[in-house]
Protein backbone atom coordinates (compact mmCIF):
# COMPACT_ATOMS: atom_id res chain seq x y z
CA MET A 1 -0.04 -0.04 0.00
CA SER A 2 1.11 3.53 -0.72
CA ASP A 3 1.47 6.19 2.01
CA GLY A 4 -0.02 8.74 -0.34
CA HIS A 5 3.25 10.28 -1.44
CA GLY A 6 4.57 7.58 -3.86
CA ASP A 7 7.59 5.28 -3.66
CA ARG A 8 10.07 8.11 -4.29
CA GLY A 9 8.68 10.04 -1.36
CA ARG A 10 8.82 6.92 0.86
CA SER A 11 12.51 6.33 -0.21
CA ARG A 12 13.41 9.87 0.73
CA ALA A 13 11.75 9.34 4.06
CA ARG A 14 13.88 6.34 4.77
CA VAL A 15 17.05 8.18 3.87
CA SER A 16 15.98 10.94 6.24
CA VAL A 17 15.31 8.47 9.05
CA ALA A 18 18.78 6.91 8.64
CA GLY A 19 20.61 10.09 9.45
CA ALA A 20 18.19 11.62 12.09
CA SER A 21 18.29 11.66 15.78
CA LEU A 22 16.16 9.17 17.73
CA GLU A 23 13.59 11.82 18.24
CA ARG A 24 13.49 12.91 14.58
CA ARG A 25 13.30 9.28 13.59
CA ARG A 26 10.20 8.60 15.71
CA ALA A 27 8.54 11.68 14.26
CA LEU A 28 9.13 10.67 10.72
CA GLN A 29 8.18 7.03 11.48
CA TRP A 30 4.93 8.36 12.88
CA LEU A 31 4.00 9.69 9.38
CA LEU A 32 4.76 6.52 7.44
CA LEU A 33 2.33 3.84 6.51
CA LEU A 34 3.68 0.82 8.54
CA PRO A 35 3.01 -2.88 7.90
CA ALA A 36 0.70 -4.42 10.49
CA ALA A 37 3.54 -6.33 12.04
CA GLN A 38 5.25 -3.14 12.95
CA LEU A 39 2.26 -1.73 14.60
CA ALA A 40 2.18 -4.39 17.35
CA LEU A 41 2.16 -3.07 20.83
CA PRO A 42 4.18 -4.53 23.75
CA ALA A 43 2.29 -7.19 25.75
CA ALA A 44 1.86 -4.87 28.66
CA ALA A 45 0.32 -2.18 26.54
CA TRP A 46 -2.18 -4.59 24.88
CA ALA A 47 -3.57 -5.52 28.34
CA SER A 48 -4.97 -1.99 28.90
CA ALA A 49 -5.65 -1.16 25.21
CA ALA A 50 -9.16 -0.38 24.13
CA ARG A 51 -10.60 -2.37 21.32
CA VAL A 52 -12.35 -0.83 18.25
CA VAL A 53 -15.12 -3.38 17.42
CA SER A 54 -16.32 -1.69 14.24
CA ALA A 55 -15.14 1.01 11.86
CA ARG A 56 -17.52 2.35 9.30
CA LEU A 57 -17.51 4.90 6.39
CA TRP A 58 -20.51 6.70 5.10
CA PRO A 59 -19.47 8.62 1.89
CA ALA A 60 -21.71 11.14 0.33
CA GLN A 61 -21.48 14.37 -1.58
CA GLU A 62 -22.94 16.36 1.28
CA TYR A 63 -20.41 15.01 3.72
CA THR A 64 -18.46 11.87 4.51
CA ARG A 65 -18.82 10.25 7.96
CA LEU A 66 -16.18 8.03 9.73
CA ILE A 67 -17.27 6.06 12.77
CA LEU A 68 -15.18 4.15 15.22
CA GLU A 69 -17.15 2.10 17.74
CA ALA A 70 -15.69 0.66 20.96
CA PRO A 71 -17.00 -0.72 24.39
CA ALA A 72 -15.42 2.23 26.07
CA ALA A 73 -14.91 5.88 25.22
CA LEU A 74 -11.88 6.56 22.94
CA PRO A 75 -9.43 9.38 24.12
CA HIS A 76 -8.59 11.29 20.98
CA GLN A 77 -7.07 14.26 19.28
CA LEU A 78 -7.47 15.65 15.75
CA ILE A 79 -4.78 17.22 13.76
CA VAL A 80 -5.47 19.02 10.36
CA LEU A 81 -2.52 19.12 7.99
CA LYS A 82 -1.90 20.76 4.53
CA ASP A 83 0.32 20.37 1.56
CA PRO A 84 -1.10 17.85 0.90
CA HIS A 85 -4.51 18.04 2.66
CA ARG A 86 -4.71 15.20 5.22
CA ILE A 87 -6.06 14.59 8.78
CA ALA A 88 -4.49 12.77 11.60
CA LEU A 89 -6.68 11.24 14.24
CA ASP A 90 -4.64 10.16 17.34
CA ILE A 91 -6.32 7.55 19.44
CA GLU A 92 -4.85 6.72 22.84
CA ALA A 93 -4.53 3.25 24.33
CA VAL A 94 -6.27 1.56 21.51
CA GLU A 95 -5.63 -1.93 20.08
CA LEU A 96 -5.11 -2.06 16.30
CA THR A 97 -7.78 -4.61 15.55
CA PRO A 98 -8.48 -6.11 12.17
CA GLU A 99 -11.83 -4.14 12.21
CA LEU A 100 -9.71 -0.98 12.43
CA LEU A 101 -7.17 -1.96 9.81
CA GLN A 102 -9.95 -2.94 7.35
CA LEU A 103 -11.04 0.68 7.31
CA ALA A 104 -8.42 1.35 4.65
CA THR A 105 -10.05 -1.19 2.32
CA ARG A 106 -13.46 0.50 2.70
CA VAL A 107 -12.56 3.79 1.10
CA GLN A 108 -14.70 3.89 -2.05
CA PRO A 109 -13.28 5.27 -5.34
CA GLY A 110 -16.26 7.61 -5.57
CA ASP A 111 -15.70 9.12 -2.10
CA PRO A 112 -15.72 12.87 -2.70
CA TYR A 113 -13.47 13.65 0.25
CA ILE A 114 -11.24 10.67 1.32
CA ALA A 115 -8.57 9.33 -1.03
CA SER A 116 -7.02 6.79 1.27
CA ILE A 117 -6.60 5.78 4.94
CA ARG A 118 -3.36 4.59 6.51
CA PHE A 119 -2.09 3.88 10.06
CA GLY A 120 0.88 4.72 12.16
CA ARG A 121 1.93 4.18 15.81
CA GLN A 122 3.40 6.56 18.44
CA PRO A 123 5.01 4.71 21.22
CA PRO A 124 3.97 3.47 23.72
CA ASP A 125 0.23 3.05 22.92
CA ILE A 126 -1.17 5.63 20.56
CA VAL A 127 -2.49 4.73 17.08
CA ARG A 128 -2.52 7.46 14.45
CA LEU A 129 -5.21 7.17 11.68
CA VAL A 130 -4.02 9.26 8.73
CA ILE A 131 -6.77 10.31 6.18
CA ASP A 132 -5.39 11.45 2.85
CA LEU A 133 -7.89 13.95 1.43
CA ARG A 134 -8.95 14.62 -2.19
CA THR A 135 -9.63 18.29 -1.22
CA GLU A 136 -9.70 20.70 1.71
CA VAL A 137 -12.48 19.80 4.24
CA SER A 138 -14.07 21.27 7.29
CA PRO A 139 -13.93 18.45 9.92
CA GLN A 140 -16.22 17.98 12.89
CA LEU A 141 -15.21 15.44 15.50
CA PHE A 142 -17.53 14.31 18.39
CA ALA A 143 -18.28 11.44 20.67
CA LEU A 144 -21.62 9.66 21.02
CA ALA A 145 -22.71 7.91 24.19
CA PRO A 146 -24.07 4.28 23.94
CA VAL A 147 -27.60 3.93 22.65
CA ALA A 148 -29.71 0.91 21.49
CA GLU A 149 -27.31 -1.64 20.08
CA PHE A 150 -24.45 0.86 19.70
CA GLY A 151 -21.49 1.23 22.02
CA HIS A 152 -19.34 4.27 22.41
CA ARG A 153 -18.94 6.05 19.00
CA LEU A 154 -16.20 8.47 17.86
CA VAL A 155 -17.54 10.31 14.89
CA LEU A 156 -15.54 12.31 12.32
CA ASP A 157 -17.63 14.14 9.73
CA LEU A 158 -15.85 15.72 6.74
CA TYR A 159 -17.78 18.61 5.24
CA PRO A 160 -16.69 20.87 2.31
CA PRO A 161 -15.40 24.29 3.39
CA THR A 162 -18.46 25.93 1.82
CA PRO A 163 -21.53 23.82 2.74
CA ILE A 164 -23.70 22.64 -0.10
CA ASP A 165 -26.63 25.05 -0.53
CA PRO A 166 -29.96 23.10 -0.98
CA LEU A 167 -31.43 26.09 -2.92
CA MET A 168 -28.56 26.36 -5.37
CA ALA A 169 -28.62 22.58 -5.87
CA LEU A 170 -32.28 22.77 -6.52
CA LEU A 171 -31.88 25.62 -9.03
CA GLU A 172 -29.05 23.92 -10.89
CA SER A 173 -31.01 20.67 -11.20
CA SER A 174 -34.27 22.47 -12.33
CA ARG A 175 -35.05 23.00 -15.93
CA GLY A 176 -35.04 26.61 -17.09
CA SER A 177 -34.04 27.96 -13.77
CA ASP A 178 -32.90 31.60 -13.42
CA PRO A 179 -29.63 31.55 -11.55
CA PRO A 180 -29.56 35.22 -10.66
CA ALA A 181 -32.57 34.82 -8.33
CA ALA A 182 -30.61 32.47 -6.10
CA ALA A 183 -28.27 35.28 -4.95
CA THR A 184 -31.09 37.15 -3.27
CA THR A 185 -32.48 34.27 -1.21
CA PRO A 186 -32.21 34.30 2.58
CA ALA A 187 -29.67 32.53 4.68
CA PRO A 188 -30.59 28.91 5.65
CA ASN A 189 -32.23 29.80 8.99
CA ALA A 190 -33.67 33.20 8.03
CA ALA A 191 -37.10 33.85 9.50
CA ALA A 192 -40.02 32.97 7.37
CA PRO A 193 -41.46 35.67 5.07
CA ALA A 194 -44.03 37.69 6.87
CA ALA A 195 -47.73 37.50 6.02
CA PRO A 196 -47.72 34.93 3.20
CA ARG A 197 -50.58 35.42 0.68
CA ARG A 198 -52.29 33.58 -2.04
CA ALA A 199 -50.96 34.53 -5.51
CA PRO A 200 -53.44 36.91 -7.24
CA ARG A 201 -54.61 36.19 -10.77
CA GLY A 202 -52.22 37.47 -13.47
CA GLU A 203 -49.23 37.21 -11.17
CA ARG A 204 -46.31 35.03 -12.58
CA ARG A 205 -46.61 31.73 -10.76
CA ARG A 206 -43.46 30.31 -9.34
CA PRO A 207 -42.93 26.53 -9.45
CA ILE A 208 -44.52 24.53 -6.63
CA THR A 209 -41.67 23.15 -4.57
CA ILE A 210 -42.02 19.90 -2.71
CA ALA A 211 -39.42 18.80 -0.10
CA LEU A 212 -39.19 15.01 -0.01
CA ASP A 213 -37.63 13.60 3.19
CA PRO A 214 -36.55 9.92 3.03
CA GLY A 215 -36.37 8.89 6.68
CA HIS A 216 -33.35 7.52 8.51
CA GLY A 217 -29.99 6.95 6.57
CA GLY A 218 -26.40 6.14 7.34
CA GLU A 219 -25.98 4.82 10.86
CA ASP A 220 -29.70 4.68 11.31
CA PRO A 221 -31.36 1.90 9.30
CA GLY A 222 -34.72 2.63 10.51
CA ALA A 223 -36.95 -0.38 10.86
CA VAL A 224 -35.76 -3.74 9.59
CA GLY A 225 -38.02 -6.31 8.10
CA PRO A 226 -38.08 -10.07 8.64
CA ARG A 227 -35.96 -10.58 5.43
CA GLY A 228 -33.52 -7.88 6.50
CA THR A 229 -34.95 -5.12 4.40
CA CYS A 230 -33.80 -1.70 5.79
CA GLU A 231 -36.36 1.12 5.91
CA LYS A 232 -33.75 3.65 4.91
CA HIS A 233 -33.14 1.98 1.56
CA VAL A 234 -36.81 1.56 0.53
CA VAL A 235 -37.93 4.94 1.49
CA LEU A 236 -35.04 6.56 -0.59
CA ALA A 237 -36.06 4.46 -3.53
CA ILE A 238 -39.65 5.55 -3.24
CA ALA A 239 -38.61 9.21 -2.68
CA ARG A 240 -36.37 9.18 -5.83
CA LYS A 241 -39.28 7.80 -7.86
CA LEU A 242 -41.65 10.33 -6.51
CA LYS A 243 -39.17 13.14 -7.25
CA ALA A 244 -38.83 12.02 -10.86
CA MET A 245 -42.77 12.17 -11.21
CA ILE A 246 -42.94 15.63 -9.53
CA ASP A 247 -40.12 17.07 -11.73
CA ALA A 248 -41.84 15.79 -14.90
CA GLU A 249 -45.05 17.72 -13.74
CA PRO A 250 -45.28 21.12 -15.39
CA GLY A 251 -44.90 23.96 -12.76
CA MET A 252 -43.69 21.56 -10.12
CA ARG A 253 -40.31 20.51 -8.74
CA ALA A 254 -38.89 18.44 -5.89
CA MET A 255 -35.78 18.28 -3.69
CA LEU A 256 -34.49 15.46 -1.53
CA THR A 257 -33.35 16.14 2.01
CA ARG A 258 -30.96 13.26 1.46
CA ASN A 259 -30.11 11.61 -1.97
CA ASP A 260 -27.81 8.85 -0.69
CA ASP A 261 -27.23 6.56 2.37
CA TYR A 262 -26.16 9.15 5.01
CA TYR A 263 -27.82 10.56 8.06
CA VAL A 264 -29.37 14.05 8.11
CA SER A 265 -30.58 15.28 11.56
CA LEU A 266 -34.26 16.09 12.01
CA ALA A 267 -33.59 19.77 12.36
CA ALA A 268 -31.46 19.84 9.12
CA ARG A 269 -34.24 18.23 7.22
CA VAL A 270 -36.61 21.07 8.26
CA GLN A 271 -33.89 23.58 7.53
CA LYS A 272 -33.39 22.28 4.02
CA ALA A 273 -37.14 22.57 3.25
CA ARG A 274 -37.31 26.17 4.61
CA ARG A 275 -34.13 27.02 2.60
CA VAL A 276 -35.83 26.17 -0.60
CA GLU A 277 -39.11 27.82 0.48
CA ALA A 278 -40.94 24.51 0.04
CA ASP A 279 -44.69 24.48 -0.34
CA LEU A 280 -45.04 21.07 1.06
CA PHE A 281 -42.80 18.74 3.16
CA VAL A 282 -43.35 15.07 2.86
CA SER A 283 -41.38 12.71 5.15
CA ILE A 284 -41.49 9.11 3.85
CA HIS A 285 -41.19 6.15 6.15
CA ALA A 286 -42.05 2.36 6.44
CA ASP A 287 -43.55 1.48 9.74
CA ALA A 288 -42.69 -1.38 12.09
CA PHE A 289 -44.43 -2.95 15.05
CA THR A 290 -43.98 -5.65 17.62
CA VAL A 291 -46.19 -8.11 15.90
CA PRO A 292 -45.95 -9.09 12.16
CA THR A 293 -49.61 -8.93 11.52
CA ALA A 294 -49.87 -5.09 11.73
CA ARG A 295 -50.39 -3.76 8.27
CA GLY A 296 -51.62 -0.72 6.21
CA SER A 297 -50.53 2.73 5.24
CA SER A 298 -50.86 5.88 7.45
CA VAL A 299 -50.43 9.55 7.08
CA PHE A 300 -49.54 11.92 10.06
CA ALA A 301 -49.59 15.60 10.74
CA LEU A 302 -48.33 17.61 13.51
CA SER A 303 -50.37 18.04 16.73
CA GLU A 304 -50.12 20.96 19.24
CA ARG A 305 -52.31 19.25 21.80
CA GLY A 306 -51.06 15.66 22.07
CA ALA A 307 -51.43 12.64 19.88
CA THR A 308 -54.65 11.36 18.45
CA SER A 309 -53.83 7.84 19.51
CA ALA A 310 -51.43 5.92 21.65
CA ALA A 311 -49.93 4.33 18.51
CA ALA A 312 -49.39 7.74 17.02
CA ARG A 313 -47.73 9.01 20.18
CA TRP A 314 -45.34 5.93 20.31
CA LEU A 315 -44.45 6.32 16.57
CA ALA A 316 -43.66 10.00 17.12
CA GLN A 317 -41.40 9.18 20.12
CA LYS A 318 -39.55 6.57 18.09
CA GLU A 319 -39.09 8.71 15.05
CA ASN A 320 -37.96 11.77 17.23
CA ALA A 321 -35.30 9.51 18.78
CA ALA A 322 -33.69 9.00 15.36
CA ASP A 323 -31.07 11.62 15.92
CA LEU A 324 -29.66 9.38 18.82
CA ILE A 325 -29.13 6.55 16.50
CA GLY A 326 -28.10 8.61 13.39
CA GLY A 327 -25.64 10.64 15.41
CA VAL A 328 -25.94 14.39 15.71
CA ASN A 329 -23.08 16.73 16.77
CA LEU A 330 -24.91 18.68 19.47
CA GLY A 331 -21.90 20.99 19.78
CA VAL A 332 -22.93 22.86 16.60
CA GLY A 333 -26.63 23.35 17.39
CA ASP A 334 -28.32 26.20 15.79
CA PRO A 335 -30.26 28.35 18.16
CA VAL A 336 -32.23 30.04 15.42
CA LEU A 337 -33.54 26.73 14.20
CA ALA A 338 -34.11 25.57 17.64
CA ARG A 339 -36.37 28.55 18.22
CA THR A 340 -38.17 27.68 14.98
CA LEU A 341 -38.76 24.13 16.08
CA LEU A 342 -40.28 25.21 19.37
CA ASP A 343 -42.63 27.70 17.73
CA LEU A 344 -46.15 26.62 18.80
CA SER A 345 -48.12 29.12 16.62
CA GLN A 346 -48.72 26.70 13.85
CA THR A 347 -52.52 26.52 13.58
CA ALA A 348 -52.54 27.45 9.95
CA GLN A 349 -49.77 25.08 8.95
CA ILE A 350 -51.51 22.16 10.72
CA SER A 351 -54.82 22.93 8.98
CA ASP A 352 -53.13 22.76 5.52
CA SER A 353 -51.25 19.74 6.61
CA LEU A 354 -54.41 17.94 7.47
CA LYS A 355 -55.81 18.85 4.03
CA VAL A 356 -52.87 17.53 2.03
CA GLY A 357 -52.67 14.56 4.35
CA ARG A 358 -56.16 13.54 3.50
CA SER A 359 -55.54 13.90 -0.23
CA VAL A 360 -52.32 11.74 0.04
CA LEU A 361 -54.06 9.26 2.21
CA GLU A 362 -56.83 8.88 -0.37
CA GLY A 363 -54.10 8.28 -3.00
CA ILE A 364 -52.18 5.71 -1.07
CA GLY A 365 -55.48 3.71 -0.28
CA THR A 366 -55.57 2.79 -3.96
CA VAL A 367 -52.49 0.70 -3.76
CA ASN A 368 -52.33 -0.47 -0.12
CA PRO A 369 -54.83 -1.05 2.68
CA LEU A 370 -55.07 1.79 5.08
CA HIS A 371 -54.00 1.28 8.76
CA LYS A 372 -56.21 4.16 9.72
CA SER A 373 -58.79 5.86 7.53
CA ALA A 374 -58.03 9.33 8.84
CA VAL A 375 -54.94 11.51 9.16
CA GLU A 376 -53.50 10.99 12.64
CA GLN A 377 -51.55 13.60 14.61
CA ALA A 378 -48.62 13.56 16.95
CA GLY A 379 -45.65 15.73 17.99
CA PHE A 380 -43.24 14.76 15.24
CA ALA A 381 -40.14 17.02 15.39
CA VAL A 382 -39.65 16.73 11.63
CA LEU A 383 -43.04 18.23 10.89
CA LYS A 384 -42.47 21.44 12.89
CA ALA A 385 -41.71 23.90 10.15
CA PRO A 386 -44.06 26.76 11.12
CA ASP A 387 -44.49 27.97 7.48
CA ILE A 388 -44.68 24.69 5.48
CA PRO A 389 -47.58 22.21 5.37
CA SER A 390 -45.95 18.98 6.52
CA ILE A 391 -46.90 15.35 6.62
CA LEU A 392 -45.38 12.04 7.44
CA VAL A 393 -46.25 9.12 5.32
CA GLU A 394 -45.91 5.52 6.55
CA THR A 395 -46.10 3.68 3.30
CA ALA A 396 -46.45 0.19 4.70
CA PHE A 397 -45.41 -1.98 7.75
CA ILE A 398 -41.95 -3.18 6.88
CA SER A 399 -42.31 -5.64 9.87
CA ASN A 400 -45.24 -7.42 7.94
CA PRO A 401 -43.71 -10.12 5.56
CA GLU A 402 -46.25 -9.36 2.85
CA GLU A 403 -45.82 -5.64 3.02
CA GLU A 404 -42.11 -5.94 3.31
CA GLN A 405 -42.15 -7.84 -0.02
CA LYS A 406 -44.14 -4.95 -1.61
CA LEU A 407 -41.58 -2.49 -0.28
CA ARG A 408 -38.73 -4.46 -1.80
CA SER A 409 -40.46 -4.49 -5.22
CA ASP A 410 -39.45 -1.92 -7.66
CA ARG A 411 -42.99 -2.09 -9.19
CA HIS A 412 -44.67 -1.55 -5.86
CA GLN A 413 -42.27 1.29 -4.97
CA GLY A 414 -43.37 2.93 -8.16
CA ARG A 415 -47.07 2.46 -7.25
CA PHE A 416 -46.43 3.97 -3.74
CA ALA A 417 -44.75 6.91 -5.33
CA GLU A 418 -47.45 7.33 -7.94
CA SER A 419 -50.19 7.27 -5.40
CA MET A 420 -48.57 10.04 -3.31
CA HIS A 421 -48.00 12.00 -6.43
CA ASP A 422 -51.68 11.77 -7.25
CA GLY A 423 -52.59 12.95 -3.80
CA ILE A 424 -50.17 15.94 -3.98
CA ARG A 425 -51.56 17.02 -7.38
CA ARG A 426 -55.18 16.92 -6.08
CA TYR A 427 -54.23 19.04 -3.13
CA PHE A 428 -52.49 21.87 -5.13
CA ALA A 429 -55.28 21.82 -7.76
CA THR A 430 -57.64 23.22 -5.16
CA ASN A 431 -55.10 24.81 -2.76
CA PRO A 432 -52.69 27.06 -4.69
CA PRO A 433 -49.38 27.61 -2.97
CA LEU A 434 -48.74 30.69 -0.94
CA ALA A 435 -47.00 33.60 -2.59
CA ARG A 436 -43.83 34.50 -0.72
CA GLY A 437 -42.15 37.75 -0.26
CA ARG A 438 -38.96 36.30 -1.56
CA THR A 439 -39.28 33.45 -4.10
CA ALA A 440 -36.86 30.93 -5.46
CA THR A 441 -37.73 31.03 -9.13
CA GLY A 442 -36.79 28.15 -11.36
């Protein structure tokens, strides 16, 4: 394996080591990619070393996430290096397990940020994980306490220096977009435009924008069916199909809160929808229950006064806990967005959400039995954008073997998407979108 600088660079390093002092030799050896045999710790050190039981990579255009999981917390230090761009993660008193070494083989050719991973050792018991980067990044490093089946997790997120703007991405992907309009749009967490109004006749209509939110992702698989089907995969497939249908509809366009297998926090999902000034937010899921006989599709809206049923309350609590599994860096919380999510003056939003929810529920009922014939309500955090009608769709019970099979079928995924598309179209046919003080034209 190469250390990222080529054979000639490695040879020069060896020459330098030969004539250097012991201290200099150790410093240079620290930056070399060493064979596994040379990384062995003394027996006494192994006795107290922590063990990394799993090492995972979640590459995506938005950001790449690296996760180290261990039974105990991992003392660590992060060093950012340039010329070339690379990151060194020092982990104290850790055993270099096969699970950790295999991380180097999990780097994907299409990873937008990581070129390769290598290891070094600083005596007596520190392992250095060196990440050779394709480009400059903005790293975030944080630890997660044990939750569910996960132990202690050390999480390293690699973001581009300039975060990807959902609005610009939407404009670039839209047909016939007007790029100059993007420059005047508000910052991601800007307050909602005041006093929205219905567009009067004769006024140029902007495209109806739908934010589609495939639930879960990355570390968080969501519910898992009897055959091992992960909710996060099937809802992304359905969302992509629904997006294609909406984009093909004149005067409509859609954006995805995630377009690959990575986790997006509940707050960030809302933030993305508000950034593109969405006219509707649709969070897509596949329910699970403790018994395999539960079946049917459901639609939920936000409630200000408690859940409409015990099942709705249980489901909201489960979905709201997704950030614990997916892994959110609480150290970079956004107080503006936090205030937005705590805003309780959402009567108009909930009223519109119930309307669109009934329309979508009617559509879904043509392709799958309904679990409940009415739109239910509960305190879903992901539905709390105060200025966007928002619904959560449970397409089917992935814990039901028959419905799991439907969710695995490309044909049935298309039918689920088409039924939601029909419901969305019917809603906007009788409920034109609100005109906004600042519009994202496209």
